[in-house]
PDB file of all heavy atoms in Angstrom:
ATOM      1  N   SER A   1     -20.888 -46.650 -16.489  1.00  0.00           N
ATOM      2  CA  SER A   1     -20.478 -46.263 -17.841  1.00  0.00           C
ATOM      3  C   SER A   1     -19.944 -44.838 -17.873  1.00  0.00           C
ATOM      4  O   SER A   1     -18.932 -44.548 -18.519  1.00  0.00           O
ATOM      5  CB  SER A   1     -21.662 -46.418 -18.793  1.00  0.00           C
ATOM      6  OG  SER A   1     -21.359 -45.886 -20.048  1.00  0.00           O
ATOM      7  N   TYR A   2     -20.606 -43.946 -17.174  1.00  0.00           N
ATOM      8  CA  TYR A   2     -20.194 -42.539 -17.107  1.00  0.00           C
ATOM      9  C   TYR A   2     -18.792 -42.414 -16.509  1.00  0.00           C
ATOM     10  O   TYR A   2     -17.931 -41.719 -17.056  1.00  0.00           O
ATOM     11  CB  TYR A   2     -21.226 -41.773 -16.280  1.00  0.00           C
ATOM     12  CG  TYR A   2     -20.848 -40.368 -15.938  1.00  0.00           C
ATOM     13  CD1 TYR A   2     -20.937 -39.362 -16.888  1.00  0.00           C
ATOM     14  CD2 TYR A   2     -20.424 -40.031 -14.655  1.00  0.00           C
ATOM     15  CE1 TYR A   2     -20.598 -38.058 -16.564  1.00  0.00           C
ATOM     16  CE2 TYR A   2     -20.090 -38.746 -14.336  1.00  0.00           C
ATOM     17  CZ  TYR A   2     -20.178 -37.757 -15.286  1.00  0.00           C
ATOM     18  OH  TYR A   2     -19.838 -36.467 -14.966  1.00  0.00           O
ATOM     19  N   ILE A   3     -18.560 -43.095 -15.407  1.00  0.00           N
ATOM     20  CA  ILE A   3     -17.242 -43.038 -14.754  1.00  0.00           C
ATOM     21  C   ILE A   3     -16.166 -43.638 -15.654  1.00  0.00           C
ATOM     22  O   ILE A   3     -15.063 -43.080 -15.786  1.00  0.00           O
ATOM     23  CB  ILE A   3     -17.295 -43.746 -13.390  1.00  0.00           C
ATOM     24  CG1 ILE A   3     -18.151 -42.926 -12.421  1.00  0.00           C
ATOM     25  CG2 ILE A   3     -15.902 -43.970 -12.827  1.00  0.00           C
ATOM     26  CD1 ILE A   3     -18.505 -43.637 -11.143  1.00  0.00           C
ATOM     27  N   LEU A   4     -16.465 -44.756 -16.303  1.00  0.00           N
ATOM     28  CA  LEU A   4     -15.491 -45.377 -17.211  1.00  0.00           C
ATOM     29  C   LEU A   4     -15.169 -44.452 -18.387  1.00  0.00           C
ATOM     30  O   LEU A   4     -14.005 -44.340 -18.795  1.00  0.00           O
ATOM     31  CB  LEU A   4     -16.005 -46.720 -17.719  1.00  0.00           C
ATOM     32  CG  LEU A   4     -16.090 -47.848 -16.698  1.00  0.00           C
ATOM     33  CD1 LEU A   4     -16.740 -49.078 -17.320  1.00  0.00           C
ATOM     34  CD2 LEU A   4     -14.723 -48.175 -16.150  1.00  0.00           C
ATOM     35  N   ASN A   5     -16.181 -43.795 -18.927  1.00  0.00           N
ATOM     36  CA  ASN A   5     -15.946 -42.869 -20.042  1.00  0.00           C
ATOM     37  C   ASN A   5     -15.047 -41.711 -19.631  1.00  0.00           C
ATOM     38  O   ASN A   5     -14.147 -41.319 -20.381  1.00  0.00           O
ATOM     39  CB  ASN A   5     -17.268 -42.313 -20.578  1.00  0.00           C
ATOM     40  CG  ASN A   5     -18.005 -43.305 -21.420  1.00  0.00           C
ATOM     41  OD1 ASN A   5     -17.411 -44.174 -22.041  1.00  0.00           O
ATOM     42  ND2 ASN A   5     -19.314 -43.202 -21.438  1.00  0.00           N
ATOM     43  N   LEU A   6     -15.288 -41.159 -18.452  1.00  0.00           N
ATOM     44  CA  LEU A   6     -14.441 -40.056 -17.988  1.00  0.00           C
ATOM     45  C   LEU A   6     -13.013 -40.528 -17.725  1.00  0.00           C
ATOM     46  O   LEU A   6     -12.051 -39.814 -18.031  1.00  0.00           O
ATOM     47  CB  LEU A   6     -15.035 -39.413 -16.742  1.00  0.00           C
ATOM     48  CG  LEU A   6     -16.300 -38.595 -16.958  1.00  0.00           C
ATOM     49  CD1 LEU A   6     -16.776 -37.990 -15.638  1.00  0.00           C
ATOM     50  CD2 LEU A   6     -16.100 -37.510 -17.991  1.00  0.00           C
ATOM     51  N   LYS A   7     -12.869 -41.750 -17.173  1.00  0.00           N
ATOM     52  CA  LYS A   7     -11.525 -42.301 -16.965  1.00  0.00           C
ATOM     53  C   LYS A   7     -10.780 -42.445 -18.290  1.00  0.00           C
ATOM     54  O   LYS A   7      -9.604 -42.086 -18.393  1.00  0.00           O
ATOM     55  CB  LYS A   7     -11.612 -43.672 -16.282  1.00  0.00           C
ATOM     56  CG  LYS A   7     -11.702 -43.640 -14.804  1.00  0.00           C
ATOM     57  CD  LYS A   7     -11.837 -45.028 -14.195  1.00  0.00           C
ATOM     58  CE  LYS A   7     -10.777 -45.987 -14.670  1.00  0.00           C
ATOM     59  NZ  LYS A   7     -10.920 -47.339 -14.085  1.00  0.00           N
ATOM     60  N   VAL A   8     -11.468 -42.974 -19.290  1.00  0.00           N
ATOM     61  CA  VAL A   8     -10.837 -43.164 -20.599  1.00  0.00           C
ATOM     62  C   VAL A   8     -10.487 -41.821 -21.211  1.00  0.00           C
ATOM     63  O   VAL A   8      -9.395 -41.640 -21.759  1.00  0.00           O
ATOM     64  CB  VAL A   8     -11.750 -43.986 -21.537  1.00  0.00           C
ATOM     65  CG1 VAL A   8     -11.225 -43.975 -22.957  1.00  0.00           C
ATOM     66  CG2 VAL A   8     -11.871 -45.412 -21.042  1.00  0.00           C
ATOM     67  N   LEU A   9     -11.392 -40.859 -21.121  1.00  0.00           N
ATOM     68  CA  LEU A   9     -11.133 -39.536 -21.674  1.00  0.00           C
ATOM     69  C   LEU A   9      -9.897 -38.901 -21.043  1.00  0.00           C
ATOM     70  O   LEU A   9      -9.016 -38.401 -21.740  1.00  0.00           O
ATOM     71  CB  LEU A   9     -12.357 -38.636 -21.492  1.00  0.00           C
ATOM     72  CG  LEU A   9     -12.283 -37.239 -22.088  1.00  0.00           C
ATOM     73  CD1 LEU A   9     -12.195 -37.317 -23.609  1.00  0.00           C
ATOM     74  CD2 LEU A   9     -13.486 -36.417 -21.670  1.00  0.00           C
ATOM     75  N   ILE A  10      -9.793 -38.985 -19.732  1.00  0.00           N
ATOM     76  CA  ILE A  10      -8.638 -38.413 -19.039  1.00  0.00           C
ATOM     77  C   ILE A  10      -7.372 -39.178 -19.379  1.00  0.00           C
ATOM     78  O   ILE A  10      -6.308 -38.589 -19.599  1.00  0.00           O
ATOM     79  CB  ILE A  10      -8.899 -38.371 -17.519  1.00  0.00           C
ATOM     80  CG1 ILE A  10      -9.978 -37.332 -17.231  1.00  0.00           C
ATOM     81  CG2 ILE A  10      -7.624 -38.062 -16.750  1.00  0.00           C
ATOM     82  CD1 ILE A  10     -10.501 -37.348 -15.821  1.00  0.00           C
ATOM     83  N   ARG A  11      -7.458 -40.508 -19.475  1.00  0.00           N
ATOM     84  CA  ARG A  11      -6.287 -41.325 -19.815  1.00  0.00           C
ATOM     85  C   ARG A  11      -5.779 -40.998 -21.222  1.00  0.00           C
ATOM     86  O   ARG A  11      -4.578 -40.916 -21.452  1.00  0.00           O
ATOM     87  CB  ARG A  11      -6.649 -42.804 -19.700  1.00  0.00           C
ATOM     88  CG  ARG A  11      -5.452 -43.690 -19.495  1.00  0.00           C
ATOM     89  CD  ARG A  11      -5.850 -45.128 -19.260  1.00  0.00           C
ATOM     90  NE  ARG A  11      -6.513 -45.291 -17.977  1.00  0.00           N
ATOM     91  CZ  ARG A  11      -7.552 -46.097 -17.775  1.00  0.00           C
ATOM     92  NH1 ARG A  11      -8.028 -46.835 -18.742  1.00  0.00           N
ATOM     93  NH2 ARG A  11      -8.098 -46.206 -16.587  1.00  0.00           N
ATOM     94  N   VAL A  12      -6.704 -40.808 -22.148  1.00  0.00           N
ATOM     95  CA  VAL A  12      -6.319 -40.493 -23.525  1.00  0.00           C
ATOM     96  C   VAL A  12      -5.707 -39.102 -23.602  1.00  0.00           C
ATOM     97  O   VAL A  12      -4.742 -38.867 -24.335  1.00  0.00           O
ATOM     98  CB  VAL A  12      -7.542 -40.621 -24.472  1.00  0.00           C
ATOM     99  CG1 VAL A  12      -7.277 -39.988 -25.818  1.00  0.00           C
ATOM    100  CG2 VAL A  12      -7.911 -42.080 -24.639  1.00  0.00           C
ATOM    101  N   ILE A  13      -6.244 -38.179 -22.825  1.00  0.00           N
ATOM    102  CA  ILE A  13      -5.709 -36.816 -22.828  1.00  0.00           C
ATOM    103  C   ILE A  13      -4.299 -36.801 -22.237  1.00  0.00           C
ATOM    104  O   ILE A  13      -3.417 -36.109 -22.737  1.00  0.00           O
ATOM    105  CB  ILE A  13      -6.644 -35.874 -22.049  1.00  0.00           C
ATOM    106  CG1 ILE A  13      -8.015 -35.804 -22.710  1.00  0.00           C
ATOM    107  CG2 ILE A  13      -6.045 -34.489 -21.915  1.00  0.00           C
ATOM    108  CD1 ILE A  13      -8.019 -35.535 -24.177  1.00  0.00           C
ATOM    109  N   ARG A  14      -4.071 -37.576 -21.185  1.00  0.00           N
ATOM    110  CA  ARG A  14      -2.741 -37.629 -20.567  1.00  0.00           C
ATOM    111  C   ARG A  14      -1.699 -38.278 -21.469  1.00  0.00           C
ATOM    112  O   ARG A  14      -0.551 -37.862 -21.503  1.00  0.00           O
ATOM    113  CB  ARG A  14      -2.796 -38.396 -19.257  1.00  0.00           C
ATOM    114  CG  ARG A  14      -3.375 -37.655 -18.126  1.00  0.00           C
ATOM    115  CD  ARG A  14      -3.249 -38.465 -16.866  1.00  0.00           C
ATOM    116  NE  ARG A  14      -3.902 -37.798 -15.761  1.00  0.00           N
ATOM    117  CZ  ARG A  14      -4.205 -38.399 -14.638  1.00  0.00           C
ATOM    118  NH1 ARG A  14      -3.915 -39.671 -14.461  1.00  0.00           N
ATOM    119  NH2 ARG A  14      -4.788 -37.743 -13.681  1.00  0.00           N
ATOM    120  N   SER A  15      -2.105 -39.345 -22.162  1.00  0.00           N
ATOM    121  CA  SER A  15      -1.173 -40.098 -22.997  1.00  0.00           C
ATOM    122  C   SER A  15      -1.769 -40.323 -24.384  1.00  0.00           C
ATOM    123  O   SER A  15      -2.253 -41.415 -24.679  1.00  0.00           O
ATOM    124  CB  SER A  15      -0.872 -41.450 -22.362  1.00  0.00           C
ATOM    125  OG  SER A  15      -0.483 -41.330 -21.044  1.00  0.00           O
ATOM    126  N   PRO A  16      -1.720 -39.326 -25.247  1.00  0.00           N
ATOM    127  CA  PRO A  16      -2.317 -39.492 -26.571  1.00  0.00           C
ATOM    128  C   PRO A  16      -1.592 -40.513 -27.447  1.00  0.00           C
ATOM    129  O   PRO A  16      -2.143 -40.976 -28.437  1.00  0.00           O
ATOM    130  CB  PRO A  16      -2.249 -38.096 -27.187  1.00  0.00           C
ATOM    131  CG  PRO A  16      -1.299 -37.334 -26.368  1.00  0.00           C
ATOM    132  CD  PRO A  16      -1.214 -37.986 -25.039  1.00  0.00           C
ATOM    133  N   GLU A  17      -0.407 -40.916 -27.044  1.00  0.00           N
ATOM    134  CA  GLU A  17       0.341 -41.881 -27.855  1.00  0.00           C
ATOM    135  C   GLU A  17      -0.232 -43.296 -27.772  1.00  0.00           C
ATOM    136  O   GLU A  17       0.157 -44.160 -28.559  1.00  0.00           O
ATOM    137  CB  GLU A  17       1.814 -41.896 -27.453  1.00  0.00           C
ATOM    138  CG  GLU A  17       2.097 -42.370 -26.055  1.00  0.00           C
ATOM    139  CD  GLU A  17       1.993 -41.272 -25.001  1.00  0.00           C
ATOM    140  OE1 GLU A  17       1.731 -40.113 -25.347  1.00  0.00           O
ATOM    141  OE2 GLU A  17       2.179 -41.606 -23.816  1.00  0.00           O
ATOM    142  N   ILE A  18      -1.169 -43.554 -26.850  1.00  0.00           N
ATOM    143  CA  ILE A  18      -1.760 -44.886 -26.775  1.00  0.00           C
ATOM    144  C   ILE A  18      -2.796 -45.113 -27.877  1.00  0.00           C
ATOM    145  O   ILE A  18      -3.307 -46.216 -28.020  1.00  0.00           O
ATOM    146  CB  ILE A  18      -2.405 -45.157 -25.395  1.00  0.00           C
ATOM    147  CG1 ILE A  18      -3.597 -44.232 -25.143  1.00  0.00           C
ATOM    148  CG2 ILE A  18      -1.389 -45.080 -24.295  1.00  0.00           C
ATOM    149  CD1 ILE A  18      -4.382 -44.577 -23.895  1.00  0.00           C
ATOM    150  N   ILE A  19      -3.063 -44.078 -28.660  1.00  0.00           N
ATOM    151  CA  ILE A  19      -4.061 -44.163 -29.725  1.00  0.00           C
ATOM    152  C   ILE A  19      -3.376 -44.099 -31.075  1.00  0.00           C
ATOM    153  O   ILE A  19      -2.457 -43.322 -31.284  1.00  0.00           O
ATOM    154  CB  ILE A  19      -5.036 -42.991 -29.643  1.00  0.00           C
ATOM    155  CG1 ILE A  19      -5.707 -42.947 -28.293  1.00  0.00           C
ATOM    156  CG2 ILE A  19      -6.069 -43.056 -30.743  1.00  0.00           C
ATOM    157  CD1 ILE A  19      -6.410 -41.674 -28.054  1.00  0.00           C
ATOM    158  N   GLU A  20      -3.870 -44.911 -31.982  1.00  0.00           N
ATOM    159  CA  GLU A  20      -3.440 -44.833 -33.372  1.00  0.00           C
ATOM    160  C   GLU A  20      -4.687 -44.952 -34.235  1.00  0.00           C
ATOM    161  O   GLU A  20      -5.479 -45.865 -34.071  1.00  0.00           O
ATOM    162  CB  GLU A  20      -2.468 -45.957 -33.704  1.00  0.00           C
ATOM    163  CG  GLU A  20      -1.879 -45.843 -35.085  1.00  0.00           C
ATOM    164  CD  GLU A  20      -0.871 -46.931 -35.341  1.00  0.00           C
ATOM    165  OE1 GLU A  20      -0.154 -47.315 -34.398  1.00  0.00           O
ATOM    166  OE2 GLU A  20      -0.814 -47.405 -36.486  1.00  0.00           O
ATOM    167  N   VAL A  21      -4.867 -44.003 -35.119  1.00  0.00           N
ATOM    168  CA  VAL A  21      -6.030 -43.988 -35.998  1.00  0.00           C
ATOM    169  C   VAL A  21      -5.557 -44.180 -37.424  1.00  0.00           C
ATOM    170  O   VAL A  21      -4.622 -43.519 -37.864  1.00  0.00           O
ATOM    171  CB  VAL A  21      -6.804 -42.654 -35.867  1.00  0.00           C
ATOM    172  CG1 VAL A  21      -7.996 -42.636 -36.787  1.00  0.00           C
ATOM    173  CG2 VAL A  21      -7.239 -42.436 -34.432  1.00  0.00           C
ATOM    174  N   GLU A  22      -6.175 -45.107 -38.138  1.00  0.00           N
ATOM    175  CA  GLU A  22      -5.824 -45.355 -39.536  1.00  0.00           C
ATOM    176  C   GLU A  22      -7.069 -45.295 -40.408  1.00  0.00           C
ATOM    177  O   GLU A  22      -8.154 -45.670 -39.975  1.00  0.00           O
ATOM    178  CB  GLU A  22      -5.206 -46.744 -39.693  1.00  0.00           C
ATOM    179  CG  GLU A  22      -3.807 -46.867 -39.169  1.00  0.00           C
ATOM    180  CD  GLU A  22      -3.198 -48.204 -39.525  1.00  0.00           C
ATOM    181  OE1 GLU A  22      -3.506 -48.743 -40.593  1.00  0.00           O
ATOM    182  OE2 GLU A  22      -2.413 -48.711 -38.710  1.00  0.00           O
ATOM    183  N   ILE A  23      -6.875 -44.852 -41.630  1.00  0.00           N
ATOM    184  CA  ILE A  23      -7.919 -44.904 -42.636  1.00  0.00           C
ATOM    185  C   ILE A  23      -7.756 -46.226 -43.373  1.00  0.00           C
ATOM    186  O   ILE A  23      -6.678 -46.795 -43.419  1.00  0.00           O
ATOM    187  CB  ILE A  23      -7.808 -43.711 -43.609  1.00  0.00           C
ATOM    188  CG1 ILE A  23      -7.918 -42.408 -42.833  1.00  0.00           C
ATOM    189  CG2 ILE A  23      -8.870 -43.778 -44.679  1.00  0.00           C
ATOM    190  CD1 ILE A  23      -7.755 -41.183 -43.689  1.00  0.00           C
ATOM    191  N   GLU A  24      -8.849 -46.729 -43.944  1.00  0.00           N
ATOM    192  CA  GLU A  24      -8.833 -48.047 -44.573  1.00  0.00           C
ATOM    193  C   GLU A  24      -7.738 -48.188 -45.630  1.00  0.00           C
ATOM    194  O   GLU A  24      -7.138 -49.238 -45.768  1.00  0.00           O
ATOM    195  CB  GLU A  24     -10.196 -48.324 -45.204  1.00  0.00           C
ATOM    196  CG  GLU A  24     -10.317 -49.726 -45.746  1.00  0.00           C
ATOM    197  CD  GLU A  24     -11.689 -49.962 -46.326  1.00  0.00           C
ATOM    198  OE1 GLU A  24     -11.982 -49.369 -47.374  1.00  0.00           O
ATOM    199  OE2 GLU A  24     -12.450 -50.725 -45.732  1.00  0.00           O
ATOM    200  N   ASN A  25      -7.432 -47.132 -46.384  1.00  0.00           N
ATOM    201  CA  ASN A  25      -6.431 -47.238 -47.438  1.00  0.00           C
ATOM    202  C   ASN A  25      -4.996 -47.233 -46.906  1.00  0.00           C
ATOM    203  O   ASN A  25      -4.063 -47.312 -47.680  1.00  0.00           O
ATOM    204  CB  ASN A  25      -6.620 -46.142 -48.481  1.00  0.00           C
ATOM    205  CG  ASN A  25      -6.427 -44.752 -47.912  1.00  0.00           C
ATOM    206  OD1 ASN A  25      -5.991 -44.599 -46.774  1.00  0.00           O
ATOM    207  ND2 ASN A  25      -6.779 -43.749 -48.684  1.00  0.00           N
ATOM    208  N   GLY A  26      -4.809 -47.118 -45.580  1.00  0.00           N
ATOM    209  CA  GLY A  26      -3.490 -47.243 -44.992  1.00  0.00           C
ATOM    210  C   GLY A  26      -2.816 -45.940 -44.629  1.00  0.00           C
ATOM    211  O   GLY A  26      -1.829 -45.945 -43.927  1.00  0.00           O
ATOM    212  N   SER A  27      -3.298 -44.810 -45.098  1.00  0.00           N
ATOM    213  CA  SER A  27      -2.669 -43.547 -44.735  1.00  0.00           C
ATOM    214  C   SER A  27      -3.026 -43.205 -43.288  1.00  0.00           C
ATOM    215  O   SER A  27      -4.125 -43.463 -42.830  1.00  0.00           O
ATOM    216  CB  SER A  27      -3.116 -42.426 -45.669  1.00  0.00           C
ATOM    217  OG  SER A  27      -4.494 -42.203 -45.523  1.00  0.00           O
ATOM    218  N   LYS A  28      -2.074 -42.639 -42.585  1.00  0.00           N
ATOM    219  CA  LYS A  28      -2.273 -42.326 -41.176  1.00  0.00           C
ATOM    220  C   LYS A  28      -2.776 -40.897 -41.032  1.00  0.00           C
ATOM    221  O   LYS A  28      -2.430 -40.019 -41.796  1.00  0.00           O
ATOM    222  CB  LYS A  28      -0.953 -42.462 -40.421  1.00  0.00           C
ATOM    223  CG  LYS A  28      -0.370 -43.828 -40.506  1.00  0.00           C
ATOM    224  CD  LYS A  28      -0.179 -44.378 -39.169  1.00  0.00           C
ATOM    225  CE  LYS A  28       0.497 -45.721 -39.378  1.00  0.00           C
ATOM    226  NZ  LYS A  28       0.389 -46.590 -38.343  1.00  0.00           N
ATOM    227  N   ILE A  29      -3.604 -40.697 -40.021  1.00  0.00           N
ATOM    228  CA  ILE A  29      -4.060 -39.358 -39.669  1.00  0.00           C
ATOM    229  C   ILE A  29      -3.170 -38.911 -38.522  1.00  0.00           C
ATOM    230  O   ILE A  29      -3.071 -39.593 -37.518  1.00  0.00           O
ATOM    231  CB  ILE A  29      -5.536 -39.376 -39.237  1.00  0.00           C
ATOM    232  CG1 ILE A  29      -6.411 -39.915 -40.354  1.00  0.00           C
ATOM    233  CG2 ILE A  29      -5.989 -37.998 -38.831  1.00  0.00           C
ATOM    234  CD1 ILE A  29      -7.845 -40.109 -39.950  1.00  0.00           C
ATOM    235  N   LYS A  30      -2.563 -37.756 -38.640  1.00  0.00           N
ATOM    236  CA  LYS A  30      -1.631 -37.324 -37.603  1.00  0.00           C
ATOM    237  C   LYS A  30      -2.313 -36.419 -36.574  1.00  0.00           C
ATOM    238  O   LYS A  30      -2.420 -36.775 -35.432  1.00  0.00           O
ATOM    239  CB  LYS A  30      -0.465 -36.588 -38.244  1.00  0.00           C
ATOM    240  CG  LYS A  30       0.281 -37.416 -39.234  1.00  0.00           C
ATOM    241  CD  LYS A  30       1.522 -37.943 -38.658  1.00  0.00           C
ATOM    242  CE  LYS A  30       2.241 -38.635 -39.778  1.00  0.00           C
ATOM    243  NZ  LYS A  30       3.061 -39.670 -39.425  1.00  0.00           N
ATOM    244  N   PHE A  31      -2.777 -35.261 -36.991  1.00  0.00           N
ATOM    245  CA  PHE A  31      -3.287 -34.273 -36.048  1.00  0.00           C
ATOM    246  C   PHE A  31      -4.596 -34.710 -35.402  1.00  0.00           C
ATOM    247  O   PHE A  31      -4.835 -34.447 -34.246  1.00  0.00           O
ATOM    248  CB  PHE A  31      -3.475 -32.923 -36.747  1.00  0.00           C
ATOM    249  CG  PHE A  31      -4.267 -31.938 -35.951  1.00  0.00           C
ATOM    250  CD1 PHE A  31      -3.754 -31.422 -34.781  1.00  0.00           C
ATOM    251  CD2 PHE A  31      -5.528 -31.555 -36.351  1.00  0.00           C
ATOM    252  CE1 PHE A  31      -4.489 -30.526 -34.029  1.00  0.00           C
ATOM    253  CE2 PHE A  31      -6.258 -30.665 -35.605  1.00  0.00           C
ATOM    254  CZ  PHE A  31      -5.734 -30.153 -34.449  1.00  0.00           C
ATOM    255  N   THR A  32      -5.428 -35.408 -36.139  1.00  0.00           N
ATOM    256  CA  THR A  32      -6.775 -35.678 -35.645  1.00  0.00           C
ATOM    257  C   THR A  32      -6.876 -36.958 -34.822  1.00  0.00           C
ATOM    258  O   THR A  32      -7.978 -37.324 -34.450  1.00  0.00           O
ATOM    259  CB  THR A  32      -7.757 -35.752 -36.822  1.00  0.00           C
ATOM    260  OG1 THR A  32      -7.311 -36.753 -37.726  1.00  0.00           O
ATOM    261  CG2 THR A  32      -7.886 -34.433 -37.512  1.00  0.00           C
ATOM    262  N   ASP A  33      -5.760 -37.623 -34.514  1.00  0.00           N
ATOM    263  CA  ASP A  33      -5.835 -38.829 -33.696  1.00  0.00           C
ATOM    264  C   ASP A  33      -6.585 -38.574 -32.388  1.00  0.00           C
ATOM    265  O   ASP A  33      -7.549 -39.251 -32.079  1.00  0.00           O
ATOM    266  CB  ASP A  33      -4.436 -39.340 -33.365  1.00  0.00           C
ATOM    267  CG  ASP A  33      -3.776 -40.039 -34.531  1.00  0.00           C
ATOM    268  OD1 ASP A  33      -4.396 -40.113 -35.589  1.00  0.00           O
ATOM    269  OD2 ASP A  33      -2.648 -40.499 -34.364  1.00  0.00           O
ATOM    270  N   VAL A  34      -6.118 -37.608 -31.634  1.00  0.00           N
ATOM    271  CA  VAL A  34      -6.721 -37.323 -30.338  1.00  0.00           C
ATOM    272  C   VAL A  34      -8.116 -36.753 -30.506  1.00  0.00           C
ATOM    273  O   VAL A  34      -9.030 -37.101 -29.771  1.00  0.00           O
ATOM    274  CB  VAL A  34      -5.826 -36.357 -29.530  1.00  0.00           C
ATOM    275  CG1 VAL A  34      -6.493 -35.936 -28.254  1.00  0.00           C
ATOM    276  CG2 VAL A  34      -4.504 -37.022 -29.238  1.00  0.00           C
ATOM    277  N   SER A  35      -8.311 -35.897 -31.484  1.00  0.00           N
ATOM    278  CA  SER A  35      -9.615 -35.264 -31.631  1.00  0.00           C
ATOM    279  C   SER A  35     -10.692 -36.264 -32.026  1.00  0.00           C
ATOM    280  O   SER A  35     -11.815 -36.179 -31.541  1.00  0.00           O
ATOM    281  CB  SER A  35      -9.544 -34.115 -32.634  1.00  0.00           C
ATOM    282  OG  SER A  35      -9.166 -34.587 -33.902  1.00  0.00           O
ATOM    283  N   ILE A  36     -10.376 -37.225 -32.872  1.00  0.00           N
ATOM    284  CA  ILE A  36     -11.375 -38.233 -33.263  1.00  0.00           C
ATOM    285  C   ILE A  36     -11.784 -39.063 -32.056  1.00  0.00           C
ATOM    286  O   ILE A  36     -12.970 -39.270 -31.794  1.00  0.00           O
ATOM    287  CB  ILE A  36     -10.837 -39.130 -34.393  1.00  0.00           C
ATOM    288  CG1 ILE A  36     -10.786 -38.362 -35.703  1.00  0.00           C
ATOM    289  CG2 ILE A  36     -11.690 -40.380 -34.554  1.00  0.00           C
ATOM    290  CD1 ILE A  36     -10.115 -39.107 -36.823  1.00  0.00           C
ATOM    291  N   VAL A  37     -10.827 -39.533 -31.291  1.00  0.00           N
ATOM    292  CA  VAL A  37     -11.142 -40.339 -30.121  1.00  0.00           C
ATOM    293  C   VAL A  37     -11.858 -39.496 -29.066  1.00  0.00           C
ATOM    294  O   VAL A  37     -12.813 -39.958 -28.438  1.00  0.00           O
ATOM    295  CB  VAL A  37      -9.871 -40.993 -29.550  1.00  0.00           C
ATOM    296  CG1 VAL A  37     -10.152 -41.700 -28.248  1.00  0.00           C
ATOM    297  CG2 VAL A  37      -9.301 -41.963 -30.558  1.00  0.00           C
ATOM    298  N   ALA A  38     -11.450 -38.248 -28.885  1.00  0.00           N
ATOM    299  CA  ALA A  38     -12.111 -37.383 -27.914  1.00  0.00           C
ATOM    300  C   ALA A  38     -13.561 -37.119 -28.313  1.00  0.00           C
ATOM    301  O   ALA A  38     -14.446 -37.102 -27.459  1.00  0.00           O
ATOM    302  CB  ALA A  38     -11.346 -36.073 -27.778  1.00  0.00           C
ATOM    303  N   ILE A  39     -13.829 -36.948 -29.593  1.00  0.00           N
ATOM    304  CA  ILE A  39     -15.206 -36.745 -30.043  1.00  0.00           C
ATOM    305  C   ILE A  39     -16.036 -37.997 -29.794  1.00  0.00           C
ATOM    306  O   ILE A  39     -17.178 -37.920 -29.328  1.00  0.00           O
ATOM    307  CB  ILE A  39     -15.229 -36.336 -31.529  1.00  0.00           C
ATOM    308  CG1 ILE A  39     -14.711 -34.909 -31.681  1.00  0.00           C
ATOM    309  CG2 ILE A  39     -16.631 -36.452 -32.115  1.00  0.00           C
ATOM    310  CD1 ILE A  39     -14.462 -34.479 -33.105  1.00  0.00           C
ATOM    311  N   ILE A  40     -15.477 -39.162 -30.081  1.00  0.00           N
ATOM    312  CA  ILE A  40     -16.195 -40.416 -29.820  1.00  0.00           C
ATOM    313  C   ILE A  40     -16.483 -40.564 -28.326  1.00  0.00           C
ATOM    314  O   ILE A  40     -17.587 -40.944 -27.921  1.00  0.00           O
ATOM    315  CB  ILE A  40     -15.397 -41.619 -30.356  1.00  0.00           C
ATOM    316  CG1 ILE A  40     -15.379 -41.583 -31.887  1.00  0.00           C
ATOM    317  CG2 ILE A  40     -15.963 -42.938 -29.853  1.00  0.00           C
ATOM    318  CD1 ILE A  40     -14.429 -42.564 -32.525  1.00  0.00           C
ATOM    319  N   LEU A  41     -15.510 -40.233 -27.495  1.00  0.00           N
ATOM    320  CA  LEU A  41     -15.720 -40.320 -26.052  1.00  0.00           C
ATOM    321  C   LEU A  41     -16.745 -39.307 -25.568  1.00  0.00           C
ATOM    322  O   LEU A  41     -17.559 -39.606 -24.692  1.00  0.00           O
ATOM    323  CB  LEU A  41     -14.396 -40.135 -25.310  1.00  0.00           C
ATOM    324  CG  LEU A  41     -13.427 -41.294 -25.427  1.00  0.00           C
ATOM    325  CD1 LEU A  41     -12.067 -40.920 -24.879  1.00  0.00           C
ATOM    326  CD2 LEU A  41     -13.979 -42.513 -24.725  1.00  0.00           C
ATOM    327  N   LEU A  42     -16.730 -38.103 -26.131  1.00  0.00           N
ATOM    328  CA  LEU A  42     -17.738 -37.109 -25.766  1.00  0.00           C
ATOM    329  C   LEU A  42     -19.137 -37.591 -26.137  1.00  0.00           C
ATOM    330  O   LEU A  42     -20.090 -37.399 -25.381  1.00  0.00           O
ATOM    331  CB  LEU A  42     -17.451 -35.770 -26.453  1.00  0.00           C
ATOM    332  CG  LEU A  42     -16.364 -34.916 -25.837  1.00  0.00           C
ATOM    333  CD1 LEU A  42     -16.115 -33.675 -26.681  1.00  0.00           C
ATOM    334  CD2 LEU A  42     -16.728 -34.526 -24.428  1.00  0.00           C
TER     335      LEU A  42
END
């Protein structure tokens, strides 16, 4: 699990465009896409 988490973290950092974060009402979050996923991975 630890190795997989680090792989995902590095993959997301290299290519942040593979992530899309949406709020339930449909508005998109722009700046915090990478930060939200990075916090979850941390």
